[in-house]
Amino acid sequence: GTGSSIHSALQDLFWLSKSKVEKQLQIISVLQWVLTFLVMGIACTLILIYILCTDCWAIAALYLSWLVFDWNTPKKGGRRSQWVRNWAIWRYFRDYFPIRLVKTHNLLTTRNYIFGYHPHGIMGLGAFCNFSTEATGVSQKFPGIRPYLATLAGNFRMPILRDYLMSGGICPVNRDSIEYILSKNGSGNAVIIVVGGAAESLNCTPGKNSVTLKNRKGFVKLALQHGADLVPVYSFGENEVYKQVIFEEGSWGRWVQKKFQKHIGFAPCIFHGRGIFSSNTWGLLPYSKPITTVVGEPITIPQIDNPSQKEVDFYHSMYVVSLIKLFDKYKTKFGLPETEVLEVN
């Protein structure tokens, strides 16, 4: 009757409202990370300088004193927080795209690992969500394995930002930090290195699957020196969430980008996603395209204190072959045609 029709309509309205609220929470969760990635370091530095010039200068002075005392913590495994890694906001972050983590093989807790993450994308959103939060269940899928996502060391010189990053298990991507984790932190550690780095980010664009890897061999040498197994990781969809203006080699735009990359450590990209209030407008929010991160089969690596270039090249070639096999095996499952080829530069 009429009563049941009204009740049904109210139920539909309630669920519609709940769905809208969840969508807004997803947008907020992604927006806060994008702003963290782009401006949090500079903003916190400026705020700290401002506080030093006010009557509350003692607060800033206390933090700076703590910063001096705590300066080397990022190089010694950081200070992760399971509470932060399990924040509900990361589940909304995951569901916005959505992001998934696919396990293909078990990992032994008696070994250490270096995960090579590909491709970089603009912000490495899949790498962050999968390995710096518990939103996709990395600890349940790989029990006993502690993931450490490695990022630019310059981020850890920024007040507040450094502490925020460390709480997620993020560490500097430098030799001292990685060697500490692999040699002085026991076993069961996995350092995730976005191998292509800033150079790879310059070429990421929707519909393109290419990695910068041919001359990236430092991570292989580190693996050999510490006997850490290499694990190829590919994120299908990482390049789909932002559109970028690609400058051709030899152009003034690419020249500027390479100068920034060489002297500062990152390459400024001209990119855009969608707007906050509409997917039909330009903005900083990534497009809600699925990202699926596949963790491949580990390559057993012997420990060689001083590996020769020939040994490094041998295991590097094994890694490249393994990454291509991983891509080819899973590409059709995640929307790519059988004819799609992974471009290795």
Foldseek 3Di string as FASTA:
>chain_A
DVVVVVVVVVVVVVVVVVVVVLLLLLLVLQVVVLCLQPPPLVVQVVVLVVCCVDPNVVVSVVLVVVCVVCVCQLLQQFDAALVLLADPSLLSPCVLLPEEEAEDDADDQQAEAEEAEDDCAQPNSNCCSQQLHCNRPNCVVHPNAHEEEEDAPVQCVGPPSVNSSRRSRYHHPDDSSVCNCLPVVGGRYYYYYNQQAQVSNLPQAPPAFEGAAPPRLPVLVSCQQRQHWYKYKYKPCSSVFKHWDHDDPPDPQVVQQVVCCVPPNHGDTHIWAADSVDRVHTHHGTHSHYIYMYIGDIDGHHHDNDDDPVVSVVVSVVVVVRNQVVCLVCVVVRPHDNPDGYHYD
